[in-house]
């Protein structure tokens, strides 16, 4: 006899999103990413809607800094593929 599957509990994605984004660590990292993008925009490297992002060579989540030595401008696809490795 086949075992019965448990009915899946419906996830509240909106609640998960709100809870995750509201954590102090996430707020701090988001502020740092926004600062890096702002600095790159001042230099004319990145514009809104151009498909480029500021990549941190050593991710902020792994203790990386927001200095120009640790940042570079790459395509969105490249940055998202890399993740926080």
Protein backbone atom coordinates (compact mmCIF):
# COMPACT_ATOMS: atom_id res chain seq x y z
CA UNK A 1 0.00 0.00 0.00
CA UNK A 2 1.21 3.47 -0.83
CA UNK A 3 1.69 5.93 1.98
CA UNK A 4 -0.63 8.91 2.00
CA UNK A 5 0.99 12.27 1.36
CA UNK A 6 0.46 15.02 3.88
CA UNK A 7 -1.36 18.02 2.48
CA UNK A 8 1.12 20.83 1.91
CA UNK A 9 0.81 23.82 4.17
CA UNK A 10 0.32 26.97 2.14
CA UNK A 11 3.26 29.38 2.54
CA UNK A 12 2.73 33.04 3.22
CA UNK A 13 5.39 34.47 0.90
CA UNK A 14 4.47 38.07 1.68
CA UNK A 15 5.00 37.50 5.41
CA UNK A 16 8.33 35.75 4.79
CA UNK A 17 9.45 38.65 2.61
CA UNK A 18 8.44 41.28 5.20
CA UNK A 19 10.10 39.38 8.05
CA UNK A 20 13.34 38.85 6.13
CA UNK A 21 13.66 42.42 4.84
CA UNK A 22 12.95 43.87 8.28
CA UNK A 23 15.87 42.24 10.05
CA UNK A 24 18.55 44.73 11.16
CA UNK A 25 21.31 42.84 9.33
CA UNK A 26 19.34 42.94 6.06
CA UNK A 27 18.58 46.63 6.48
CA UNK A 28 22.29 47.35 7.04
CA UNK A 29 23.31 45.33 3.97
CA UNK A 30 20.64 46.99 1.81
CA UNK A 31 21.86 50.42 2.89
CA UNK A 32 25.43 49.45 1.99
CA UNK A 33 24.36 48.18 -1.46
CA UNK A 34 22.42 51.37 -2.10
CA UNK A 35 25.44 53.44 -1.06
CA UNK A 36 27.69 51.50 -3.45
CA UNK A 37 25.25 52.05 -6.31
CA UNK A 38 25.01 55.75 -5.47
CA UNK A 39 28.80 56.11 -5.51
CA UNK A 40 29.03 54.33 -8.88
CA UNK A 41 26.27 56.57 -10.27
CA UNK A 42 28.22 59.67 -9.22
CA UNK A 43 31.15 58.39 -11.27
CA UNK A 44 28.86 57.78 -14.25
CA UNK A 45 29.36 54.01 -14.22
CA UNK A 46 25.76 53.01 -13.48
CA UNK A 47 22.41 54.51 -14.44
CA UNK A 48 18.91 53.56 -13.42
CA UNK A 49 17.49 50.92 -15.75
CA UNK A 50 20.73 50.21 -17.63
CA UNK A 51 20.91 46.53 -16.61
CA UNK A 52 24.10 46.96 -14.61
CA UNK A 53 24.68 46.44 -10.92
CA UNK A 54 27.43 47.10 -8.43
CA UNK A 55 29.05 43.81 -7.44
CA UNK A 56 30.95 43.36 -4.21
CA UNK A 57 33.93 41.09 -4.88
CA UNK A 58 33.79 39.93 -1.26
CA UNK A 59 30.06 40.00 -0.36
CA UNK A 60 28.85 42.24 2.42
CA UNK A 61 27.30 39.18 4.05
CA UNK A 62 30.77 37.62 4.28
CA UNK A 63 32.38 40.69 5.82
CA UNK A 64 33.26 42.57 2.64
CA UNK A 65 33.55 46.33 2.62
CA UNK A 66 31.96 49.03 0.52
CA UNK A 67 35.26 50.50 -0.69
CA UNK A 68 36.05 51.02 -4.36
CA UNK A 69 38.63 48.20 -4.17
CA UNK A 70 35.87 45.74 -3.27
CA UNK A 71 33.26 46.92 -5.80
CA UNK A 72 32.93 46.65 -9.56
CA UNK A 73 30.20 47.27 -12.12
CA UNK A 74 28.89 44.14 -13.86
CA UNK A 75 25.77 43.08 -15.73
CA UNK A 76 22.72 42.08 -13.70
CA UNK A 77 22.93 38.51 -15.05
CA UNK A 78 26.56 38.14 -13.93
CA UNK A 79 25.87 39.54 -10.48
CA UNK A 80 22.79 37.41 -9.84
CA UNK A 81 24.59 34.29 -11.09
CA UNK A 82 27.42 34.88 -8.62
CA UNK A 83 25.24 35.22 -5.51
CA UNK A 84 26.95 35.54 -2.12
CA UNK A 85 29.80 33.08 -2.68
